[in-house]
Amino acid sequence: MKCKHRLPDDPTIHCAVLAYASDMNLLGTAKHDVSILEVSVIASLDHAMWFTEKPFRADEWLLYALESPRATDGRGLAYGGVFTREGVLVVTVTQEGVIRLRNSANKL
């Protein structure tokens, strides 16, 4: 991912842009093999970020690797790492949330 337009050189702006983008589909990885059409509610309970390498540029290509180790009983946990082209980890992200399905017979 990357910001479409060139950003100012202020590192705070790059952190803010990445914080905004980090919520994109993070919790969605916790729905595992359930179709999005089966989901009635996905809501964040907690979202945390650790910036481990600064400065970085959010207007250059970054790899956002997402993973979900657990989703059960209507809750999901997801985490991700954001890496530069050189493979440097710049941000680690975690999120826990509520996931409710339309058919209550199906459980995550």
PDB file of N, CA and C in Angstrom:
ATOM      1  N   MET A   1       0.842  -1.175   0.000  1.00  0.00           N
ATOM      2  CA  MET A   1       0.000   0.000   0.000  1.00  0.00           C
ATOM      3  C   MET A   1       0.885   1.235   0.000  1.00  0.00           C
ATOM      4  N   LYS A   2       0.325   2.336  -0.437  1.00  0.00           N
ATOM      5  CA  LYS A   2       1.024   3.605  -0.350  1.00  0.00           C
ATOM      6  C   LYS A   2       0.010   4.723  -0.554  1.00  0.00           C
ATOM      7  N   CYS A   3       0.340   5.873  -0.036  1.00  0.00           N
ATOM      8  CA  CYS A   3      -0.484   7.054  -0.234  1.00  0.00           C
ATOM      9  C   CYS A   3      -0.401   7.456  -1.704  1.00  0.00           C
ATOM     10  N   LYS A   4      -1.523   7.836  -2.271  1.00  0.00           N
ATOM     11  CA  LYS A   4      -1.581   8.148  -3.698  1.00  0.00           C
ATOM     12  C   LYS A   4      -0.757   9.380  -4.075  1.00  0.00           C
ATOM     13  N   HIS A   5      -0.730  10.375  -3.194  1.00  0.00           N
ATOM     14  CA  HIS A   5      -0.032  11.625  -3.492  1.00  0.00           C
ATOM     15  C   HIS A   5       1.198  11.780  -2.593  1.00  0.00           C
ATOM     16  N   ARG A   6       2.142  12.540  -3.059  1.00  0.00           N
ATOM     17  CA  ARG A   6       3.346  12.827  -2.259  1.00  0.00           C
ATOM     18  C   ARG A   6       2.944  13.604  -1.015  1.00  0.00           C
ATOM     19  N   LEU A   7       3.494  13.203   0.123  1.00  0.00           N
ATOM     20  CA  LEU A   7       3.196  13.846   1.403  1.00  0.00           C
ATOM     21  C   LEU A   7       4.331  14.786   1.800  1.00  0.00           C
ATOM     22  N   PRO A   8       4.045  15.747   2.680  1.00  0.00           N
ATOM     23  CA  PRO A   8       5.121  16.603   3.208  1.00  0.00           C
ATOM     24  C   PRO A   8       6.162  15.745   3.931  1.00  0.00           C
ATOM     25  N   ASP A   9       7.323  16.299   4.182  1.00  0.00           N
ATOM     26  CA  ASP A   9       8.407  15.547   4.817  1.00  0.00           C
ATOM     27  C   ASP A   9       8.225  15.350   6.324  1.00  0.00           C
ATOM     28  N   ASP A  10       7.228  15.934   6.926  1.00  0.00           N
ATOM     29  CA  ASP A  10       6.977  15.821   8.362  1.00  0.00           C
ATOM     30  C   ASP A  10       6.665  14.357   8.732  1.00  0.00           C
ATOM     31  N   PRO A  11       7.505  13.687   9.553  1.00  0.00           N
ATOM     32  CA  PRO A  11       7.273  12.285   9.923  1.00  0.00           C
ATOM     33  C   PRO A  11       5.951  12.056  10.645  1.00  0.00           C
ATOM     34  N   THR A  12       5.450  13.065  11.341  1.00  0.00           N
ATOM     35  CA  THR A  12       4.180  12.928  12.057  1.00  0.00           C
ATOM     36  C   THR A  12       3.035  12.686  11.074  1.00  0.00           C
ATOM     37  N   ILE A  13       3.079  13.331   9.922  1.00  0.00           N
ATOM     38  CA  ILE A  13       2.041  13.136   8.907  1.00  0.00           C
ATOM     39  C   ILE A  13       2.091  11.713   8.365  1.00  0.00           C
ATOM     40  N   HIS A  14       3.279  11.191   8.164  1.00  0.00           N
ATOM     41  CA  HIS A  14       3.416   9.824   7.667  1.00  0.00           C
ATOM     42  C   HIS A  14       2.888   8.819   8.689  1.00  0.00           C
ATOM     43  N   CYS A  15       3.141   9.061   9.962  1.00  0.00           N
ATOM     44  CA  CYS A  15       2.610   8.196  11.026  1.00  0.00           C
ATOM     45  C   CYS A  15       1.085   8.260  11.056  1.00  0.00           C
ATOM     46  N   ALA A  16       0.530   9.452  10.921  1.00  0.00           N
ATOM     47  CA  ALA A  16      -0.926   9.627  10.952  1.00  0.00           C
ATOM     48  C   ALA A  16      -1.593   8.934   9.762  1.00  0.00           C
ATOM     49  N   VAL A  17      -1.004   9.070   8.586  1.00  0.00           N
ATOM     50  CA  VAL A  17      -1.564   8.422   7.397  1.00  0.00           C
ATOM     51  C   VAL A  17      -1.526   6.905   7.558  1.00  0.00           C
ATOM     52  N   LEU A  18      -0.428   6.382   8.068  1.00  0.00           N
ATOM     53  CA  LEU A  18      -0.329   4.941   8.268  1.00  0.00           C
ATOM     54  C   LEU A  18      -1.281   4.465   9.361  1.00  0.00           C
ATOM     55  N   ALA A  19      -1.479   5.255  10.405  1.00  0.00           N
ATOM     56  CA  ALA A  19      -2.434   4.895  11.459  1.00  0.00           C
ATOM     57  C   ALA A  19      -3.839   4.784  10.873  1.00  0.00           C
ATOM     58  N   TYR A  20      -4.201   5.727  10.022  1.00  0.00           N
ATOM     59  CA  TYR A  20      -5.509   5.689   9.370  1.00  0.00           C
ATOM     60  C   TYR A  20      -5.636   4.441   8.500  1.00  0.00           C
ATOM     61  N   ALA A  21      -4.631   4.174   7.692  1.00  0.00           N
ATOM     62  CA  ALA A  21      -4.678   3.046   6.764  1.00  0.00           C
ATOM     63  C   ALA A  21      -4.597   1.692   7.478  1.00  0.00           C
ATOM     64  N   SER A  22      -4.035   1.666   8.674  1.00  0.00           N
ATOM     65  CA  SER A  22      -3.837   0.390   9.372  1.00  0.00           C
ATOM     66  C   SER A  22      -5.141  -0.296   9.738  1.00  0.00           C
ATOM     67  N   ASP A  23      -6.227   0.446   9.808  1.00  0.00           N
ATOM     68  CA  ASP A  23      -7.521  -0.134  10.166  1.00  0.00           C
ATOM     69  C   ASP A  23      -8.166  -0.839   8.973  1.00  0.00           C
ATOM     70  N   MET A  24      -7.635  -0.603   7.784  1.00  0.00           N
ATOM     71  CA  MET A  24      -8.206  -1.149   6.559  1.00  0.00           C
ATOM     72  C   MET A  24      -8.065  -2.668   6.524  1.00  0.00           C
ATOM     73  N   ASN A  25      -9.171  -3.350   6.670  1.00  0.00           N
ATOM     74  CA  ASN A  25      -9.281  -4.809   6.561  1.00  0.00           C
ATOM     75  C   ASN A  25      -8.523  -5.594   7.627  1.00  0.00           C
ATOM     76  N   LEU A  26      -8.002  -4.951   8.634  1.00  0.00           N
ATOM     77  CA  LEU A  26      -7.275  -5.688   9.677  1.00  0.00           C
ATOM     78  C   LEU A  26      -8.182  -6.701  10.361  1.00  0.00           C
ATOM     79  N   LEU A  27      -9.288  -6.247  10.898  1.00  0.00           N
ATOM     80  CA  LEU A  27     -10.199  -7.162  11.588  1.00  0.00           C
ATOM     81  C   LEU A  27     -10.888  -8.108  10.608  1.00  0.00           C
ATOM     82  N   GLY A  28     -11.001  -7.697   9.360  1.00  0.00           N
ATOM     83  CA  GLY A  28     -11.594  -8.565   8.341  1.00  0.00           C
ATOM     84  C   GLY A  28     -10.826  -9.861   8.151  1.00  0.00           C
ATOM     85  N   THR A  29      -9.540  -9.881   8.478  1.00  0.00           N
ATOM     86  CA  THR A  29      -8.768 -11.124   8.358  1.00  0.00           C
ATOM     87  C   THR A  29      -9.209 -12.144   9.394  1.00  0.00           C
ATOM     88  N   ALA A  30      -9.849 -11.691  10.464  1.00  0.00           N
ATOM     89  CA  ALA A  30     -10.275 -12.603  11.531  1.00  0.00           C
ATOM     90  C   ALA A  30     -11.542 -13.368  11.176  1.00  0.00           C
ATOM     91  N   LYS A  31     -12.213 -12.999  10.109  1.00  0.00           N
ATOM     92  CA  LYS A  31     -13.420 -13.735   9.725  1.00  0.00           C
ATOM     93  C   LYS A  31     -13.082 -15.051   9.025  1.00  0.00           C
ATOM     94  N   HIS A  32     -11.827 -15.283   8.771  1.00  0.00           N
ATOM     95  CA  HIS A  32     -11.308 -16.523   8.193  1.00  0.00           C
ATOM     96  C   HIS A  32     -12.054 -16.922   6.931  1.00  0.00           C
ATOM     97  N   ASP A  33     -12.665 -18.117   6.924  1.00  0.00           N
ATOM     98  CA  ASP A  33     -13.287 -18.622   5.701  1.00  0.00           C
ATOM     99  C   ASP A  33     -14.771 -18.270   5.591  1.00  0.00           C
ATOM    100  N   VAL A  34     -15.236 -17.345   6.382  1.00  0.00           N
ATOM    101  CA  VAL A  34     -16.631 -16.913   6.327  1.00  0.00           C
ATOM    102  C   VAL A  34     -16.767 -15.819   5.275  1.00  0.00           C
ATOM    103  N   SER A  35     -17.771 -15.942   4.425  1.00  0.00           N
ATOM    104  CA  SER A  35     -18.018 -14.914   3.410  1.00  0.00           C
ATOM    105  C   SER A  35     -18.459 -13.619   4.085  1.00  0.00           C
ATOM    106  N   ILE A  36     -18.057 -12.490   3.513  1.00  0.00           N
ATOM    107  CA  ILE A  36     -18.464 -11.191   4.046  1.00  0.00           C
ATOM    108  C   ILE A  36     -19.985 -11.063   4.022  1.00  0.00           C
ATOM    109  N   LEU A  37     -20.661 -11.780   3.131  1.00  0.00           N
ATOM    110  CA  LEU A  37     -22.125 -11.740   3.064  1.00  0.00           C
ATOM    111  C   LEU A  37     -22.771 -12.391   4.275  1.00  0.00           C
ATOM    112  N   GLU A  38     -22.034 -13.261   4.965  1.00  0.00           N
ATOM    113  CA  GLU A  38     -22.550 -13.924   6.159  1.00  0.00           C
ATOM    114  C   GLU A  38     -22.351 -13.090   7.427  1.00  0.00           C
ATOM    115  N   VAL A  39     -21.557 -12.041   7.338  1.00  0.00           N
ATOM    116  CA  VAL A  39     -21.237 -11.217   8.505  1.00  0.00           C
ATOM    117  C   VAL A  39     -22.267 -10.105   8.650  1.00  0.00           C
ATOM    118  N   SER A  40     -22.832  -9.973   9.842  1.00  0.00           N
ATOM    119  CA  SER A  40     -23.778  -8.877  10.086  1.00  0.00           C
ATOM    120  C   SER A  40     -23.114  -7.714  10.810  1.00  0.00           C
ATOM    121  N   VAL A  41     -22.113  -7.992  11.654  1.00  0.00           N
ATOM    122  CA  VAL A  41     -21.437  -6.935  12.423  1.00  0.00           C
ATOM    123  C   VAL A  41     -19.958  -7.252  12.551  1.00  0.00           C
ATOM    124  N   ILE A  42     -19.131  -6.260  12.268  1.00  0.00           N
ATOM    125  CA  ILE A  42     -17.714  -6.292  12.624  1.00  0.00           C
ATOM    126  C   ILE A  42     -17.433  -4.959  13.301  1.00  0.00           C
ATOM    127  N   ALA A  43     -17.021  -5.018  14.560  1.00  0.00           N
ATOM    128  CA  ALA A  43     -16.763  -3.780  15.305  1.00  0.00           C
ATOM    129  C   ALA A  43     -15.482  -3.929  16.115  1.00  0.00           C
ATOM    130  N   SER A  44     -14.665  -2.917  16.070  1.00  0.00           N
ATOM    131  CA  SER A  44     -13.392  -2.924  16.787  1.00  0.00           C
ATOM    132  C   SER A  44     -13.606  -2.719  18.282  1.00  0.00           C
ATOM    133  N   LEU A  45     -12.894  -3.502  19.075  1.00  0.00           N
ATOM    134  CA  LEU A  45     -12.875  -3.320  20.528  1.00  0.00           C
ATOM    135  C   LEU A  45     -11.585  -2.659  20.986  1.00  0.00           C
ATOM    136  N   ASP A  46     -10.513  -2.925  20.248  1.00  0.00           N
ATOM    137  CA  ASP A  46      -9.201  -2.438  20.642  1.00  0.00           C
ATOM    138  C   ASP A  46      -8.302  -2.402  19.410  1.00  0.00           C
ATOM    139  N   HIS A  47      -7.538  -1.342  19.266  1.00  0.00           N
ATOM    140  CA  HIS A  47      -6.620  -1.206  18.130  1.00  0.00           C
ATOM    141  C   HIS A  47      -5.356  -0.542  18.678  1.00  0.00           C
ATOM    142  N   ALA A  48      -4.228  -1.222  18.533  1.00  0.00           N
ATOM    143  CA  ALA A  48      -2.965  -0.677  19.051  1.00  0.00           C
ATOM    144  C   ALA A  48      -1.891  -0.729  17.974  1.00  0.00           C
ATOM    145  N   MET A  49      -0.966   0.228  18.051  1.00  0.00           N
ATOM    146  CA  MET A  49       0.132   0.297  17.088  1.00  0.00           C
ATOM    147  C   MET A  49       1.440   0.577  17.811  1.00  0.00           C
ATOM    148  N   TRP A  50       2.506  -0.023  17.298  1.00  0.00           N
ATOM    149  CA  TRP A  50       3.848   0.239  17.797  1.00  0.00           C
ATOM    150  C   TRP A  50       4.711   0.647  16.613  1.00  0.00           C
ATOM    151  N   PHE A  51       5.182   1.866  16.631  1.00  0.00           N
ATOM    152  CA  PHE A  51       6.064   2.369  15.575  1.00  0.00           C
ATOM    153  C   PHE A  51       7.489   2.014  15.975  1.00  0.00           C
ATOM    154  N   THR A  52       8.114   1.146  15.201  1.00  0.00           N
ATOM    155  CA  THR A  52       9.430   0.631  15.587  1.00  0.00           C
ATOM    156  C   THR A  52      10.578   1.225  14.788  1.00  0.00           C
ATOM    157  N   GLU A  53      10.271   1.867  13.688  1.00  0.00           N
ATOM    158  CA  GLU A  53      11.334   2.439  12.860  1.00  0.00           C
ATOM    159  C   GLU A  53      10.841   3.741  12.247  1.00  0.00           C
ATOM    160  N   LYS A  54      11.478   4.822  12.601  1.00  0.00           N
ATOM    161  CA  LYS A  54      11.144   6.122  12.013  1.00  0.00           C
ATOM    162  C   LYS A  54      12.441   6.793  11.609  1.00  0.00           C
ATOM    163  N   PRO A  55      12.437   7.600  10.599  1.00  0.00           N
ATOM    164  CA  PRO A  55      11.283   7.927   9.766  1.00  0.00           C
ATOM    165  C   PRO A  55      11.059   6.875   8.684  1.00  0.00           C
ATOM    166  N   PHE A  56       9.857   6.840   8.172  1.00  0.00           N
ATOM    167  CA  PHE A  56       9.496   6.060   6.997  1.00  0.00           C
ATOM    168  C   PHE A  56       8.566   6.943   6.178  1.00  0.00           C
ATOM    169  N   ARG A  57       8.292   6.539   4.963  1.00  0.00           N
ATOM    170  CA  ARG A  57       7.424   7.344   4.106  1.00  0.00           C
ATOM    171  C   ARG A  57       6.179   6.545   3.759  1.00  0.00           C
ATOM    172  N   ALA A  58       5.022   7.107   4.074  1.00  0.00           N
ATOM    173  CA  ALA A  58       3.748   6.468   3.739  1.00  0.00           C
ATOM    174  C   ALA A  58       3.374   6.698   2.284  1.00  0.00           C
ATOM    175  N   ASP A  59       4.140   7.521   1.570  1.00  0.00           N
ATOM    176  CA  ASP A  59       3.882   7.740   0.147  1.00  0.00           C
ATOM    177  C   ASP A  59       4.822   6.904  -0.731  1.00  0.00           C
ATOM    178  N   GLU A  60       5.496   5.940  -0.111  1.00  0.00           N
ATOM    179  CA  GLU A  60       6.276   4.945  -0.838  1.00  0.00           C
ATOM    180  C   GLU A  60       5.668   3.585  -0.529  1.00  0.00           C
ATOM    181  N   TRP A  61       5.928   2.600  -1.388  1.00  0.00           N
ATOM    182  CA  TRP A  61       5.303   1.293  -1.211  1.00  0.00           C
ATOM    183  C   TRP A  61       5.668   0.661   0.133  1.00  0.00           C
ATOM    184  N   LEU A  62       4.635   0.172   0.821  1.00  0.00           N
ATOM    185  CA  LEU A  62       4.774  -0.548   2.084  1.00  0.00           C
ATOM    186  C   LEU A  62       4.003  -1.859   1.976  1.00  0.00           C
ATOM    187  N   LEU A  63       4.546  -2.909   2.543  1.00  0.00           N
ATOM    188  CA  LEU A  63       3.856  -4.200   2.596  1.00  0.00           C
ATOM    189  C   LEU A  63       3.122  -4.290   3.928  1.00  0.00           C
ATOM    190  N   TYR A  64       1.821  -4.553   3.868  1.00  0.00           N
ATOM    191  CA  TYR A  64       1.006  -4.711   5.080  1.00  0.00           C
ATOM    192  C   TYR A  64       0.619  -6.178   5.173  1.00  0.00           C
ATOM    193  N   ALA A  65       1.340  -6.945   5.974  1.00  0.00           N
ATOM    194  CA  ALA A  65       1.105  -8.379   6.134  1.00  0.00           C
ATOM    195  C   ALA A  65       0.155  -8.587   7.309  1.00  0.00           C
ATOM    196  N   LEU A  66      -1.014  -9.191   7.033  1.00  0.00           N
ATOM    197  CA  LEU A  66      -2.064  -9.375   8.043  1.00  0.00           C
ATOM    198  C   LEU A  66      -2.226 -10.847   8.380  1.00  0.00           C
ATOM    199  N   GLU A  67      -2.557 -11.101   9.647  1.00  0.00           N
ATOM    200  CA  GLU A  67      -2.734 -12.470  10.108  1.00  0.00           C
ATOM    201  C   GLU A  67      -3.735 -12.485  11.253  1.00  0.00           C
ATOM    202  N   SER A  68      -4.474 -13.578  11.354  1.00  0.00           N
ATOM    203  CA  SER A  68      -5.396 -13.739  12.469  1.00  0.00           C
ATOM    204  C   SER A  68      -5.167 -15.099  13.115  1.00  0.00           C
ATOM    205  N   PRO A  69      -4.662 -15.112  14.335  1.00  0.00           N
ATOM    206  CA  PRO A  69      -4.405 -16.384  14.997  1.00  0.00           C
ATOM    207  C   PRO A  69      -5.649 -17.027  15.605  1.00  0.00           C
ATOM    208  N   ARG A  70      -6.720 -16.212  15.806  1.00  0.00           N
ATOM    209  CA  ARG A  70      -7.886 -16.761  16.502  1.00  0.00           C
ATOM    210  C   ARG A  70      -9.144 -15.960  16.187  1.00  0.00           C
ATOM    211  N   ALA A  71     -10.229 -16.721  15.973  1.00  0.00           N
ATOM    212  CA  ALA A  71     -11.554 -16.141  15.845  1.00  0.00           C
ATOM    213  C   ALA A  71     -12.545 -17.178  16.341  1.00  0.00           C
ATOM    214  N   THR A  72     -13.193 -16.896  17.447  1.00  0.00           N
ATOM    215  CA  THR A  72     -14.136 -17.838  18.035  1.00  0.00           C
ATOM    216  C   THR A  72     -15.086 -17.105  18.966  1.00  0.00           C
ATOM    217  N   ASP A  73     -16.249 -17.692  19.167  1.00  0.00           N
ATOM    218  CA  ASP A  73     -17.242 -17.150  20.104  1.00  0.00           C
ATOM    219  C   ASP A  73     -17.573 -15.686  19.837  1.00  0.00           C
ATOM    220  N   GLY A  74     -17.651 -15.320  18.569  1.00  0.00           N
ATOM    221  CA  GLY A  74     -18.050 -13.969  18.198  1.00  0.00           C
ATOM    222  C   GLY A  74     -16.980 -12.904  18.347  1.00  0.00           C
ATOM    223  N   ARG A  75     -15.742 -13.315  18.576  1.00  0.00           N
ATOM    224  CA  ARG A  75     -14.641 -12.351  18.684  1.00  0.00           C
ATOM    225  C   ARG A  75     -13.497 -12.783  17.791  1.00  0.00           C
ATOM    226  N   GLY A  76     -12.748 -11.790  17.343  1.00  0.00           N
ATOM    227  CA  GLY A  76     -11.610 -12.094  16.488  1.00  0.00           C
ATOM    228  C   GLY A  76     -10.403 -11.281  16.909  1.00  0.00           C
ATOM    229  N   LEU A  77      -9.228 -11.838  16.688  1.00  0.00           N
ATOM    230  CA  LEU A  77      -7.965 -11.171  16.982  1.00  0.00           C
ATOM    231  C   LEU A  77      -7.149 -11.161  15.699  1.00  0.00           C
ATOM    232  N   ALA A  78      -6.599 -10.004  15.376  1.00  0.00           N
ATOM    233  CA  ALA A  78      -5.789  -9.886  14.167  1.00  0.00           C
ATOM    234  C   ALA A  78      -4.559  -9.045  14.460  1.00  0.00           C
ATOM    235  N   TYR A  79      -3.497  -9.329  13.734  1.00  0.00           N
ATOM    236  CA  TYR A  79      -2.320  -8.483  13.850  1.00  0.00           C
ATOM    237  C   TYR A  79      -1.630  -8.378  12.498  1.00  0.00           C
ATOM    238  N   GLY A  80      -0.809  -7.359  12.405  1.00  0.00           N
ATOM    239  CA  GLY A  80      -0.131  -7.129  11.145  1.00  0.00           C
ATOM    240  C   GLY A  80       1.186  -6.433  11.345  1.00  0.00           C
ATOM    241  N   GLY A  81       1.991  -6.512  10.320  1.00  0.00           N
ATOM    242  CA  GLY A  81       3.264  -5.813  10.294  1.00  0.00           C
ATOM    243  C   GLY A  81       3.358  -5.013   9.015  1.00  0.00           C
ATOM    244  N   VAL A  82       3.893  -3.814   9.103  1.00  0.00           N
ATOM    245  CA  VAL A  82       4.087  -2.970   7.933  1.00  0.00           C
ATOM    246  C   VAL A  82       5.587  -2.884   7.682  1.00  0.00           C
ATOM    247  N   PHE A  83       5.988  -3.235   6.439  1.00  0.00           N
ATOM    248  CA  PHE A  83       7.389  -3.321   6.077  1.00  0.00           C
ATOM    249  C   PHE A  83       7.703  -2.407   4.896  1.00  0.00           C
ATOM    250  N   THR A  84       8.895  -1.851   4.896  1.00  0.00           N
ATOM    251  CA  THR A  84       9.366  -1.070   3.742  1.00  0.00           C
ATOM    252  C   THR A  84       9.770  -2.028   2.626  1.00  0.00           C
ATOM    253  N   ARG A  85      10.109  -1.476   1.463  1.00  0.00           N
ATOM    254  CA  ARG A  85      10.586  -2.296   0.344  1.00  0.00           C
ATOM    255  C   ARG A  85      11.852  -3.062   0.701  1.00  0.00           C
ATOM    256  N   GLU A  86      12.615  -2.503   1.613  1.00  0.00           N
ATOM    257  CA  GLU A  86      13.869  -3.148   2.042  1.00  0.00           C
ATOM    258  C   GLU A  86      13.631  -4.229   3.088  1.00  0.00           C
ATOM    259  N   GLY A  87      12.383  -4.424   3.504  1.00  0.00           N
ATOM    260  CA  GLY A  87      12.051  -5.450   4.489  1.00  0.00           C
ATOM    261  C   GLY A  87      12.147  -4.992   5.928  1.00  0.00           C
ATOM    262  N   VAL A  88      12.269  -3.698   6.156  1.00  0.00           N
ATOM    263  CA  VAL A  88      12.366  -3.165   7.521  1.00  0.00           C
ATOM    264  C   VAL A  88      10.963  -3.038   8.117  1.00  0.00           C
ATOM    265  N   LEU A  89      10.758  -3.636   9.294  1.00  0.00           N
ATOM    266  CA  LEU A  89       9.484  -3.523  10.003  1.00  0.00           C
ATOM    267  C   LEU A  89       9.372  -2.120  10.592  1.00  0.00           C
ATOM    268  N   VAL A  90       8.354  -1.370  10.182  1.00  0.00           N
ATOM    269  CA  VAL A  90       8.194   0.002  10.679  1.00  0.00           C
ATOM    270  C   VAL A  90       7.058   0.123  11.679  1.00  0.00           C
ATOM    271  N   VAL A  91       6.040  -0.733  11.572  1.00  0.00           N
ATOM    272  CA  VAL A  91       4.892  -0.668  12.478  1.00  0.00           C
ATOM    273  C   VAL A  91       4.356  -2.074  12.720  1.00  0.00           C
ATOM    274  N   THR A  92       3.976  -2.353  13.961  1.00  0.00           N
ATOM    275  CA  THR A  92       3.242  -3.558  14.308  1.00  0.00           C
ATOM    276  C   THR A  92       1.864  -3.122  14.794  1.00  0.00           C
ATOM    277  N   VAL A  93       0.823  -3.826  14.344  1.00  0.00           N
ATOM    278  CA  VAL A  93      -0.557  -3.447  14.638  1.00  0.00           C
ATOM    279  C   VAL A  93      -1.306  -4.652  15.189  1.00  0.00           C
ATOM    280  N   THR A  94      -2.159  -4.438  16.189  1.00  0.00           N
ATOM    281  CA  THR A  94      -3.061  -5.482  16.665  1.00  0.00           C
ATOM    282  C   THR A  94      -4.462  -4.907  16.787  1.00  0.00           C
ATOM    283  N   GLN A  95      -5.439  -5.777  16.639  1.00  0.00           N
ATOM    284  CA  GLN A  95      -6.824  -5.356  16.797  1.00  0.00           C
ATOM    285  C   GLN A  95      -7.662  -6.546  17.248  1.00  0.00           C
ATOM    286  N   GLU A  96      -8.547  -6.288  18.207  1.00  0.00           N
ATOM    287  CA  GLU A  96      -9.525  -7.276  18.635  1.00  0.00           C
ATOM    288  C   GLU A  96     -10.893  -6.699  18.350  1.00  0.00           C
ATOM    289  N   GLY A  97     -11.818  -7.563  17.962  1.00  0.00           N
ATOM    290  CA  GLY A  97     -13.136  -7.044  17.655  1.00  0.00           C
ATOM    291  C   GLY A  97     -14.233  -8.075  17.789  1.00  0.00           C
ATOM    292  N   VAL A  98     -15.449  -7.580  17.678  1.00  0.00           N
ATOM    293  CA  VAL A  98     -16.656  -8.395  17.702  1.00  0.00           C
ATOM    294  C   VAL A  98     -17.005  -8.738  16.262  1.00  0.00           C
ATOM    295  N   ILE A  99     -17.322  -9.996  16.032  1.00  0.00           N
ATOM    296  CA  ILE A  99     -17.756 -10.445  14.710  1.00  0.00           C
ATOM    297  C   ILE A  99     -19.022 -11.266  14.904  1.00  0.00           C
ATOM    298  N   ARG A 100     -20.123 -10.777  14.352  1.00  0.00           N
ATOM    299  CA  ARG A 100     -21.406 -11.478  14.454  1.00  0.00           C
ATOM    300  C   ARG A 100     -21.849 -11.900  13.061  1.00  0.00           C
ATOM    301  N   LEU A 101     -22.315 -13.132  12.971  1.00  0.00           N
ATOM    302  CA  LEU A 101     -22.789 -13.661  11.700  1.00  0.00           C
ATOM    303  C   LEU A 101     -24.302 -13.565  11.602  1.00  0.00           C
ATOM    304  N   ARG A 102     -24.813 -13.515  10.362  1.00  0.00           N
ATOM    305  CA  ARG A 102     -26.264 -13.436  10.145  1.00  0.00           C
ATOM    306  C   ARG A 102     -26.961 -14.704  10.636  1.00  0.00           C
ATOM    307  N   ASN A 103     -26.393 -15.846  10.391  1.00  0.00           N
ATOM    308  CA  ASN A 103     -26.975 -17.102  10.821  1.00  0.00           C
ATOM    309  C   ASN A 103     -26.286 -17.516  12.117  1.00  0.00           C
ATOM    310  N   SER A 104     -27.002 -17.445  13.221  1.00  0.00           N
ATOM    311  CA  SER A 104     -26.384 -17.711  14.522  1.00  0.00           C
ATOM    312  C   SER A 104     -25.947 -19.160  14.679  1.00  0.00           C
ATOM    313  N   ALA A 105     -26.368 -20.054  13.782  1.00  0.00           N
ATOM    314  CA  ALA A 105     -25.922 -21.445  13.843  1.00  0.00           C
ATOM    315  C   ALA A 105     -24.443 -21.542  13.473  1.00  0.00           C
ATOM    316  N   ASN A 106     -23.977 -20.598  12.672  1.00  0.00           N
ATOM    317  CA  ASN A 106     -22.554 -20.573  12.322  1.00  0.00           C
ATOM    318  C   ASN A 106     -21.799 -19.822  13.403  1.00  0.00           C
ATOM    319  N   LYS A 107     -20.711 -20.388  13.839  1.00  0.00           N
ATOM    320  CA  LYS A 107     -19.888 -19.720  14.848  1.00  0.00           C
ATOM    321  C   LYS A 107     -18.487 -19.560  14.319  1.00  0.00           C
ATOM    322  N   LEU A 108     -17.894 -18.427  14.633  1.00  0.00           N
ATOM    323  CA  LEU A 108     -16.484 -18.236  14.315  1.00  0.00           C
ATOM    324  C   LEU A 108     -15.647 -18.928  15.354  1.00  0.00           C
TER     325      LEU A 108
END
